[in-house]
Structures are given as C-alpha cells and as structure tokens.
N, C-alpha and C. Protein backbone atom coordinates (compact mmCIF):
# COMPACT_ATOMS: atom_id res chain seq x y z
N UNK A 1 145.86 -188.02 84.55
CA UNK A 1 145.25 -189.07 83.95
C UNK A 1 145.90 -190.37 84.35
N UNK A 2 145.05 -191.32 84.71
CA UNK A 2 145.62 -192.67 85.02
C UNK A 2 144.92 -193.61 83.92
N UNK A 3 145.65 -194.61 83.53
CA UNK A 3 145.26 -195.37 82.53
C UNK A 3 145.26 -196.86 83.19
N UNK A 4 144.15 -197.59 82.82
CA UNK A 4 144.00 -199.00 83.35
C UNK A 4 143.89 -199.97 82.20
N UNK A 5 144.37 -201.10 82.23
CA UNK A 5 144.28 -202.00 81.09
C UNK A 5 143.23 -203.08 81.53
N UNK A 6 142.48 -203.54 80.60
CA UNK A 6 141.55 -204.57 80.79
C UNK A 6 140.93 -204.90 79.39
N UNK A 7 139.73 -205.49 79.37
CA UNK A 7 139.18 -205.71 78.13
C UNK A 7 139.12 -204.67 77.19
N UNK A 8 138.91 -203.46 77.80
CA UNK A 8 139.12 -201.99 77.14
C UNK A 8 139.86 -201.19 77.94
N UNK A 9 140.75 -200.29 77.44
CA UNK A 9 141.64 -199.51 78.29
C UNK A 9 140.62 -198.51 78.92
N UNK A 10 140.86 -198.13 80.13
CA UNK A 10 140.11 -197.27 80.94
C UNK A 10 140.92 -196.05 81.25
N UNK A 11 140.49 -194.91 80.95
CA UNK A 11 141.23 -193.64 81.16
C UNK A 11 140.43 -192.88 82.27
N UNK A 12 141.17 -192.61 83.36
CA UNK A 12 140.49 -191.83 84.47
C UNK A 12 141.07 -190.43 84.64
N UNK A 13 140.19 -189.52 84.52
CA UNK A 13 140.49 -188.06 84.68
C UNK A 13 139.78 -187.56 85.95
N UNK A 14 140.34 -186.69 86.60
CA UNK A 14 139.71 -186.03 87.73
C UNK A 14 139.76 -184.41 87.65
N UNK A 15 138.70 -183.82 87.47
CA UNK A 15 138.74 -182.28 87.10
C UNK A 15 138.60 -181.57 88.49
N UNK A 16 138.70 -182.24 89.57
CA UNK A 16 138.48 -181.51 90.93
C UNK A 16 139.37 -180.28 91.04
N UNK A 17 140.62 -180.52 90.82
CA UNK A 17 141.55 -179.39 91.05
C UNK A 17 141.78 -178.38 90.05
N UNK A 18 141.07 -178.53 88.90
CA UNK A 18 141.21 -177.63 87.72
C UNK A 18 140.26 -176.55 87.88
N UNK A 19 140.84 -175.33 87.63
CA UNK A 19 140.05 -174.00 87.86
C UNK A 19 139.26 -173.49 86.71
N UNK A 20 139.70 -173.91 85.50
CA UNK A 20 139.01 -173.22 84.39
C UNK A 20 139.06 -174.26 83.13
N UNK A 21 138.28 -173.90 82.25
CA UNK A 21 138.08 -174.65 81.01
C UNK A 21 139.35 -174.81 80.29
N UNK A 22 140.29 -173.71 80.31
CA UNK A 22 141.38 -173.68 79.73
C UNK A 22 142.42 -174.78 80.36
N UNK A 23 142.25 -175.10 81.67
CA UNK A 23 143.08 -176.06 82.32
C UNK A 23 142.67 -177.41 81.71
N UNK A 24 141.37 -177.62 81.35
CA UNK A 24 140.86 -178.86 80.94
C UNK A 24 141.25 -179.01 79.48
N UNK A 25 141.11 -177.93 78.69
CA UNK A 25 141.65 -178.05 77.25
C UNK A 25 143.15 -178.48 77.20
N UNK A 26 143.89 -177.94 78.27
CA UNK A 26 145.37 -178.23 78.18
C UNK A 26 145.83 -179.70 78.51
N UNK A 27 144.73 -180.47 78.90
CA UNK A 27 144.94 -181.96 79.20
C UNK A 27 145.15 -182.75 77.85
N UNK A 28 144.69 -182.15 76.68
CA UNK A 28 144.78 -182.76 75.48
C UNK A 28 144.02 -184.19 75.44
N UNK A 29 142.82 -184.07 75.77
CA UNK A 29 141.89 -185.26 75.95
C UNK A 29 141.32 -185.89 74.66
N UNK A 30 141.31 -185.25 73.64
CA UNK A 30 140.81 -185.71 72.31
C UNK A 30 141.10 -187.22 72.13
N UNK A 31 142.29 -187.53 72.10
CA UNK A 31 142.68 -189.04 71.95
C UNK A 31 142.10 -189.94 72.78
N UNK A 32 141.79 -189.48 73.97
CA UNK A 32 141.05 -190.36 75.00
C UNK A 32 139.67 -190.32 74.77
N UNK A 33 138.95 -189.15 74.64
CA UNK A 33 137.52 -188.98 74.38
C UNK A 33 137.01 -189.74 73.16
N UNK A 34 137.90 -189.67 72.13
CA UNK A 34 137.46 -190.27 70.82
C UNK A 34 138.19 -191.61 70.45
N UNK A 35 138.91 -192.10 71.47
CA UNK A 35 139.60 -193.35 71.30
C UNK A 35 138.88 -194.62 71.35
N UNK A 36 139.42 -195.72 71.48
CA UNK A 36 138.83 -197.02 71.67
C UNK A 36 138.66 -197.39 73.05
N UNK A 37 138.79 -196.62 74.05
CA UNK A 37 138.69 -197.06 75.43
C UNK A 37 137.53 -196.41 76.07
N UNK A 38 137.46 -196.56 77.37
CA UNK A 38 136.45 -195.95 78.05
C UNK A 38 137.12 -194.67 78.85
N UNK A 39 136.43 -193.64 78.76
CA UNK A 39 136.84 -192.49 79.45
C UNK A 39 135.97 -192.04 80.62
N UNK A 40 136.46 -192.15 81.96
CA UNK A 40 135.66 -191.75 83.03
C UNK A 40 136.31 -190.47 83.60
N UNK A 41 135.35 -189.55 83.87
CA UNK A 41 135.80 -188.29 84.38
C UNK A 41 135.01 -187.89 85.74
N UNK A 42 135.76 -187.68 86.80
CA UNK A 42 135.11 -187.15 87.96
C UNK A 42 135.20 -185.61 87.91
N UNK A 43 134.07 -185.14 88.61
CA UNK A 43 133.87 -183.64 88.48
C UNK A 43 133.70 -183.20 87.04
N UNK A 44 133.04 -184.01 86.25
CA UNK A 44 132.85 -183.72 84.75
C UNK A 44 132.07 -182.39 84.51
N UNK A 45 131.35 -181.99 85.58
CA UNK A 45 130.48 -180.80 85.30
C UNK A 45 131.23 -179.53 84.98
N UNK A 46 132.56 -179.61 85.51
CA UNK A 46 133.57 -178.45 85.27
C UNK A 46 133.90 -178.42 83.77
N UNK A 47 133.75 -179.44 83.02
CA UNK A 47 134.22 -179.49 81.62
C UNK A 47 133.10 -179.93 80.68
N UNK A 48 131.84 -179.81 80.97
CA UNK A 48 130.80 -180.32 80.19
C UNK A 48 130.83 -179.65 78.78
N UNK A 49 131.28 -178.35 78.69
CA UNK A 49 131.37 -177.68 77.39
C UNK A 49 132.28 -178.43 76.41
N UNK A 50 133.30 -179.28 76.79
CA UNK A 50 134.08 -179.88 75.92
C UNK A 50 133.77 -181.40 75.72
N UNK A 51 132.79 -181.85 76.34
CA UNK A 51 132.38 -183.33 76.24
C UNK A 51 131.79 -183.54 74.90
N UNK A 52 131.97 -184.77 74.29
CA UNK A 52 131.31 -185.13 73.11
C UNK A 52 129.87 -184.93 73.31
N UNK A 53 129.16 -184.83 72.18
CA UNK A 53 127.66 -184.66 72.21
C UNK A 53 127.10 -186.03 72.82
N UNK A 54 127.57 -187.09 72.29
CA UNK A 54 127.15 -188.40 73.01
C UNK A 54 127.98 -188.74 74.15
N UNK A 55 127.28 -188.75 75.28
CA UNK A 55 128.02 -189.25 76.47
C UNK A 55 126.91 -189.53 77.54
N UNK A 56 127.49 -190.26 78.56
CA UNK A 56 126.55 -190.72 79.61
C UNK A 56 127.05 -190.01 80.81
N UNK A 57 126.23 -189.26 81.47
CA UNK A 57 126.46 -188.53 82.68
C UNK A 57 125.88 -189.25 83.79
N UNK A 58 126.71 -189.65 84.86
CA UNK A 58 126.32 -190.39 86.10
C UNK A 58 126.54 -189.22 87.24
N UNK A 59 125.43 -188.96 87.75
CA UNK A 59 125.46 -188.13 88.91
C UNK A 59 125.31 -188.95 90.20
N UNK A 60 126.14 -188.63 91.18
CA UNK A 60 126.17 -189.40 92.49
C UNK A 60 125.60 -188.49 93.52
N UNK A 61 124.56 -188.78 94.18
CA UNK A 61 124.08 -188.06 95.41
C UNK A 61 124.38 -188.62 96.63
N UNK A 62 124.95 -187.94 97.52
CA UNK A 62 125.07 -188.46 99.02
C UNK A 62 123.89 -188.50 99.64
N UNK A 63 123.43 -189.70 100.10
CA UNK A 63 122.14 -189.80 100.69
C UNK A 63 122.38 -189.92 102.31
N UNK A 64 123.32 -190.81 102.61
CA UNK A 64 123.70 -191.09 104.05
C UNK A 64 125.19 -191.61 104.05
N UNK A 65 125.61 -191.81 105.10
CA UNK A 65 127.11 -192.30 105.31
C UNK A 65 127.24 -193.61 104.42
N UNK A 66 126.28 -194.39 104.34
CA UNK A 66 126.44 -195.63 103.73
C UNK A 66 125.50 -195.85 102.43
N UNK A 67 124.88 -194.70 101.99
CA UNK A 67 124.00 -194.82 100.85
C UNK A 67 124.19 -193.56 99.86
N UNK A 68 124.20 -194.04 98.55
CA UNK A 68 124.46 -193.17 97.50
C UNK A 68 123.25 -193.35 96.42
N UNK A 69 122.87 -192.33 95.76
CA UNK A 69 121.84 -192.43 94.77
C UNK A 69 122.58 -192.12 93.44
N UNK A 70 122.34 -192.85 92.38
CA UNK A 70 122.95 -192.75 91.15
C UNK A 70 121.82 -192.23 90.14
N UNK A 71 122.09 -191.21 89.33
CA UNK A 71 121.20 -190.87 88.31
C UNK A 71 122.03 -190.91 87.01
N UNK A 72 121.41 -191.71 86.07
CA UNK A 72 122.15 -191.87 84.75
C UNK A 72 121.37 -190.93 83.80
N UNK A 73 122.18 -190.06 83.13
CA UNK A 73 121.50 -189.23 82.08
C UNK A 73 122.25 -189.55 80.71
N UNK A 74 121.44 -189.91 79.77
CA UNK A 74 121.88 -190.28 78.34
C UNK A 74 121.96 -189.03 77.54
N UNK A 75 122.98 -188.80 76.80
CA UNK A 75 123.07 -187.81 75.84
C UNK A 75 123.49 -188.35 74.54
N UNK A 76 122.58 -188.39 73.61
CA UNK A 76 122.79 -189.09 72.32
C UNK A 76 122.15 -190.42 72.13
N UNK A 77 121.85 -190.85 70.91
CA UNK A 77 121.17 -192.21 70.69
C UNK A 77 121.77 -193.41 71.34
N UNK A 78 123.08 -193.43 71.14
CA UNK A 78 123.89 -194.53 71.68
C UNK A 78 123.47 -194.84 73.12
N UNK A 79 123.62 -193.84 73.94
CA UNK A 79 123.39 -193.90 75.42
C UNK A 79 121.85 -193.99 75.78
N UNK A 80 121.06 -193.51 74.97
CA UNK A 80 119.55 -193.56 75.10
C UNK A 80 119.27 -195.19 74.95
N UNK A 81 119.86 -195.72 73.91
CA UNK A 81 119.51 -197.15 73.66
C UNK A 81 120.15 -197.92 74.94
N UNK A 82 121.35 -197.62 75.35
CA UNK A 82 121.96 -198.43 76.44
C UNK A 82 121.21 -198.37 77.75
N UNK A 83 120.65 -197.20 77.94
CA UNK A 83 119.80 -197.01 79.20
C UNK A 83 118.46 -197.86 79.02
N UNK A 84 117.78 -197.69 77.76
CA UNK A 84 116.57 -198.37 77.56
C UNK A 84 116.84 -199.92 77.64
N UNK A 85 118.00 -200.40 77.13
CA UNK A 85 118.31 -201.98 77.23
C UNK A 85 118.45 -202.27 78.71
N UNK A 86 118.91 -201.37 79.53
CA UNK A 86 119.13 -201.71 81.00
C UNK A 86 117.68 -201.88 81.69
N UNK A 87 116.61 -201.21 81.11
CA UNK A 87 115.34 -201.25 81.78
C UNK A 87 114.71 -202.63 81.52
N UNK A 88 115.06 -203.32 80.44
CA UNK A 88 114.30 -204.52 80.04
C UNK A 88 114.62 -205.64 81.07
C-alpha cells in the first residue's frame, strides 16, 4: 500500500501479485476502506468479495496503443448519485 497526501489522503493498493482472497484479507484494509480517505485498488476484481457494498468500480479496456475505454459502475446510492450528477 502506498499513501499519498492531498486534500484527502489517497491509499493505493495493487492486488496484481496476490493469489488468494486470504492474501487480501491479510492486508488489513478495513481502516483504509472505511476511513476518511480515498482508496484506489488496481486489479480489484481479485477482491470484490471484500469490497464495501457501496463502491465505484472503474473498468479500463485497452482499445489501442494510445486509447483506453473507461466504464464506471456504481454500487450503492452514493455512487449512483455521483454518476448521475456527472451526466448533467
């Protein structure tokens, strides 16, 4: 985990090299997931079982060498509202 300071603390996790859900549990992420900062997780699909019910999943699709497609998926009212507000 790497921590970055700013207006909100940002906690960056990368699950790429983790092989099991137990490896993810061993990280002790509760303080970060339910804290006052922003938690960003790469390869989050490996740990979806432990994600809070309310979360925003951002899927990145490789389109070409210089192009990516983002799909934002809201889980929970907070993130539904956030995405709806972006559409306005």
